[in-house]
């Protein structure tokens, strides 16, 4: 597997994990009781994007290492991966 493929797979895992992590610990302006005029009450009161990006990187790295270990150990055969990712067969 080439470095480009590895980076692409990691990026996809990271991106999926990001959208899972983003809502963690977010309080809306309405929940905090401090709604700024002209903004939506459901908007976050405090942006903690740095913490979200850190958690995303940690979790995505763990998931990637687990999947890489499964692939490297041969628990998922390469032929099976090619069969499920290729175009459908016409009979």
C-alpha atoms as a PDB file:
ATOM      1  CA  UNK A   1       0.000   0.000   0.000  1.00  0.00           C
ATOM      2  CA  UNK A   2       1.446   3.349  -1.031  1.00  0.00           C
ATOM      3  CA  UNK A   3       1.939   6.387   1.184  1.00  0.00           C
ATOM      4  CA  UNK A   4      -0.747   8.271  -0.741  1.00  0.00           C
ATOM      5  CA  UNK A   5      -3.282   5.548  -0.012  1.00  0.00           C
ATOM      6  CA  UNK A   6      -2.316   5.464   3.653  1.00  0.00           C
ATOM      7  CA  UNK A   7      -2.696   9.239   3.959  1.00  0.00           C
ATOM      8  CA  UNK A   8      -6.051   9.170   2.147  1.00  0.00           C
ATOM      9  CA  UNK A   9      -7.404   6.462   4.446  1.00  0.00           C
ATOM     10  CA  UNK A  10      -6.173   8.313   7.537  1.00  0.00           C
ATOM     11  CA  UNK A  11      -7.745  11.554   6.290  1.00  0.00           C
ATOM     12  CA  UNK A  12     -11.102   9.840   5.738  1.00  0.00           C
ATOM     13  CA  UNK A  13     -11.028   8.317   9.214  1.00  0.00           C
ATOM     14  CA  UNK A  14      -9.979  11.673  10.714  1.00  0.00           C
ATOM     15  CA  UNK A  15     -12.775  13.527   8.920  1.00  0.00           C
ATOM     16  CA  UNK A  16     -15.439  11.040  10.088  1.00  0.00           C
ATOM     17  CA  UNK A  17     -14.171  11.182  13.657  1.00  0.00           C
ATOM     18  CA  UNK A  18     -14.160  15.006  13.562  1.00  0.00           C
ATOM     19  CA  UNK A  19     -17.909  15.126  12.998  1.00  0.00           C
ATOM     20  CA  UNK A  20     -18.371  12.641  15.830  1.00  0.00           C
ATOM     21  CA  UNK A  21     -16.233  14.661  18.257  1.00  0.00           C
ATOM     22  CA  UNK A  22     -17.460  18.191  17.429  1.00  0.00           C
ATOM     23  CA  UNK A  23     -20.601  18.112  19.618  1.00  0.00           C
ATOM     24  CA  UNK A  24     -18.770  16.844  22.732  1.00  0.00           C
ATOM     25  CA  UNK A  25     -19.135  19.272  25.626  1.00  0.00           C
ATOM     26  CA  UNK A  26     -20.639  22.084  23.565  1.00  0.00           C
ATOM     27  CA  UNK A  27     -23.044  24.368  25.396  1.00  0.00           C
ATOM     28  CA  UNK A  28     -25.297  26.658  23.431  1.00  0.00           C
ATOM     29  CA  UNK A  29     -25.701  30.339  24.225  1.00  0.00           C
ATOM     30  CA  UNK A  30     -29.216  29.609  25.449  1.00  0.00           C
ATOM     31  CA  UNK A  31     -27.948  26.917  27.858  1.00  0.00           C
ATOM     32  CA  UNK A  32     -25.280  29.213  29.242  1.00  0.00           C
ATOM     33  CA  UNK A  33     -27.754  32.102  29.618  1.00  0.00           C
ATOM     34  CA  UNK A  34     -25.638  34.535  27.602  1.00  0.00           C
ATOM     35  CA  UNK A  35     -27.240  35.071  24.174  1.00  0.00           C
ATOM     36  CA  UNK A  36     -25.402  37.634  22.077  1.00  0.00           C
ATOM     37  CA  UNK A  37     -27.729  39.941  20.161  1.00  0.00           C
ATOM     38  CA  UNK A  38     -27.969  39.050  16.483  1.00  0.00           C
ATOM     39  CA  UNK A  39     -26.782  35.468  16.867  1.00  0.00           C
ATOM     40  CA  UNK A  40     -28.655  32.222  16.976  1.00  0.00           C
ATOM     41  CA  UNK A  41     -29.395  31.052  20.550  1.00  0.00           C
ATOM     42  CA  UNK A  42     -28.264  27.553  19.537  1.00  0.00           C
ATOM     43  CA  UNK A  43     -24.782  28.759  18.573  1.00  0.00           C
ATOM     44  CA  UNK A  44     -21.963  27.567  20.825  1.00  0.00           C
ATOM     45  CA  UNK A  45     -21.190  29.852  23.751  1.00  0.00           C
ATOM     46  CA  UNK A  46     -17.502  28.866  23.853  1.00  0.00           C
ATOM     47  CA  UNK A  47     -15.638  27.523  20.843  1.00  0.00           C
ATOM     48  CA  UNK A  48     -13.194  24.791  21.760  1.00  0.00           C
ATOM     49  CA  UNK A  49     -12.053  23.795  18.316  1.00  0.00           C
ATOM     50  CA  UNK A  50      -8.485  23.140  19.451  1.00  0.00           C
ATOM     51  CA  UNK A  51      -9.608  20.535  21.957  1.00  0.00           C
ATOM     52  CA  UNK A  52     -11.907  18.968  19.351  1.00  0.00           C
ATOM     53  CA  UNK A  53      -9.061  18.741  16.836  1.00  0.00           C
ATOM     54  CA  UNK A  54      -6.772  17.169  19.440  1.00  0.00           C
ATOM     55  CA  UNK A  55      -9.351  14.540  20.409  1.00  0.00           C
ATOM     56  CA  UNK A  56     -10.082  13.894  16.734  1.00  0.00           C
ATOM     57  CA  UNK A  57      -6.409  13.262  16.007  1.00  0.00           C
ATOM     58  CA  UNK A  58      -6.004  10.942  19.003  1.00  0.00           C
ATOM     59  CA  UNK A  59      -9.113   8.871  18.254  1.00  0.00           C
ATOM     60  CA  UNK A  60      -8.476   8.745  14.495  1.00  0.00           C
ATOM     61  CA  UNK A  61      -4.909   7.576  15.123  1.00  0.00           C
ATOM     62  CA  UNK A  62      -6.114   4.785  17.401  1.00  0.00           C
ATOM     63  CA  UNK A  63      -8.744   3.660  14.878  1.00  0.00           C
ATOM     64  CA  UNK A  64      -6.198   3.804  12.053  1.00  0.00           C
ATOM     65  CA  UNK A  65      -3.638   1.739  13.984  1.00  0.00           C
ATOM     66  CA  UNK A  66      -6.274  -0.890  14.789  1.00  0.00           C
ATOM     67  CA  UNK A  67      -7.388  -1.107  11.143  1.00  0.00           C
ATOM     68  CA  UNK A  68      -3.777  -1.148   9.938  1.00  0.00           C
ATOM     69  CA  UNK A  69      -3.010  -3.982  12.367  1.00  0.00           C
ATOM     70  CA  UNK A  70      -5.966  -5.973  11.077  1.00  0.00           C
ATOM     71  CA  UNK A  71      -4.831  -5.388   7.496  1.00  0.00           C
ATOM     72  CA  UNK A  72      -1.148  -6.173   8.224  1.00  0.00           C
ATOM     73  CA  UNK A  73      -2.035  -9.364  10.096  1.00  0.00           C
ATOM     74  CA  UNK A  74      -3.952 -10.595   7.087  1.00  0.00           C
ATOM     75  CA  UNK A  75      -7.234 -10.905   8.939  1.00  0.00           C
ATOM     76  CA  UNK A  76      -8.938  -9.233   5.990  1.00  0.00           C
ATOM     77  CA  UNK A  77      -7.708 -10.783   2.738  1.00  0.00           C
ATOM     78  CA  UNK A  78      -6.678  -8.350   0.009  1.00  0.00           C
ATOM     79  CA  UNK A  79      -8.669 -10.327  -2.575  1.00  0.00           C
ATOM     80  CA  UNK A  80     -11.840  -9.835  -0.533  1.00  0.00           C
ATOM     81  CA  UNK A  81     -11.193  -6.081  -0.290  1.00  0.00           C
ATOM     82  CA  UNK A  82     -10.758  -5.901  -4.052  1.00  0.00           C
ATOM     83  CA  UNK A  83     -13.939  -7.925  -4.601  1.00  0.00           C
ATOM     84  CA  UNK A  84     -16.100  -5.607  -2.492  1.00  0.00           C
ATOM     85  CA  UNK A  85     -14.550  -2.368  -3.773  1.00  0.00           C
ATOM     86  CA  UNK A  86     -14.549  -3.100  -7.483  1.00  0.00           C
ATOM     87  CA  UNK A  87     -17.299  -2.505 -10.005  1.00  0.00           C
ATOM     88  CA  UNK A  88     -20.214  -4.930  -9.943  1.00  0.00           C
ATOM     89  CA  UNK A  89     -19.877  -8.008 -12.082  1.00  0.00           C
ATOM     90  CA  UNK A  90     -22.205  -8.468 -15.016  1.00  0.00           C
ATOM     91  CA  UNK A  91     -23.377 -11.993 -15.592  1.00  0.00           C
END
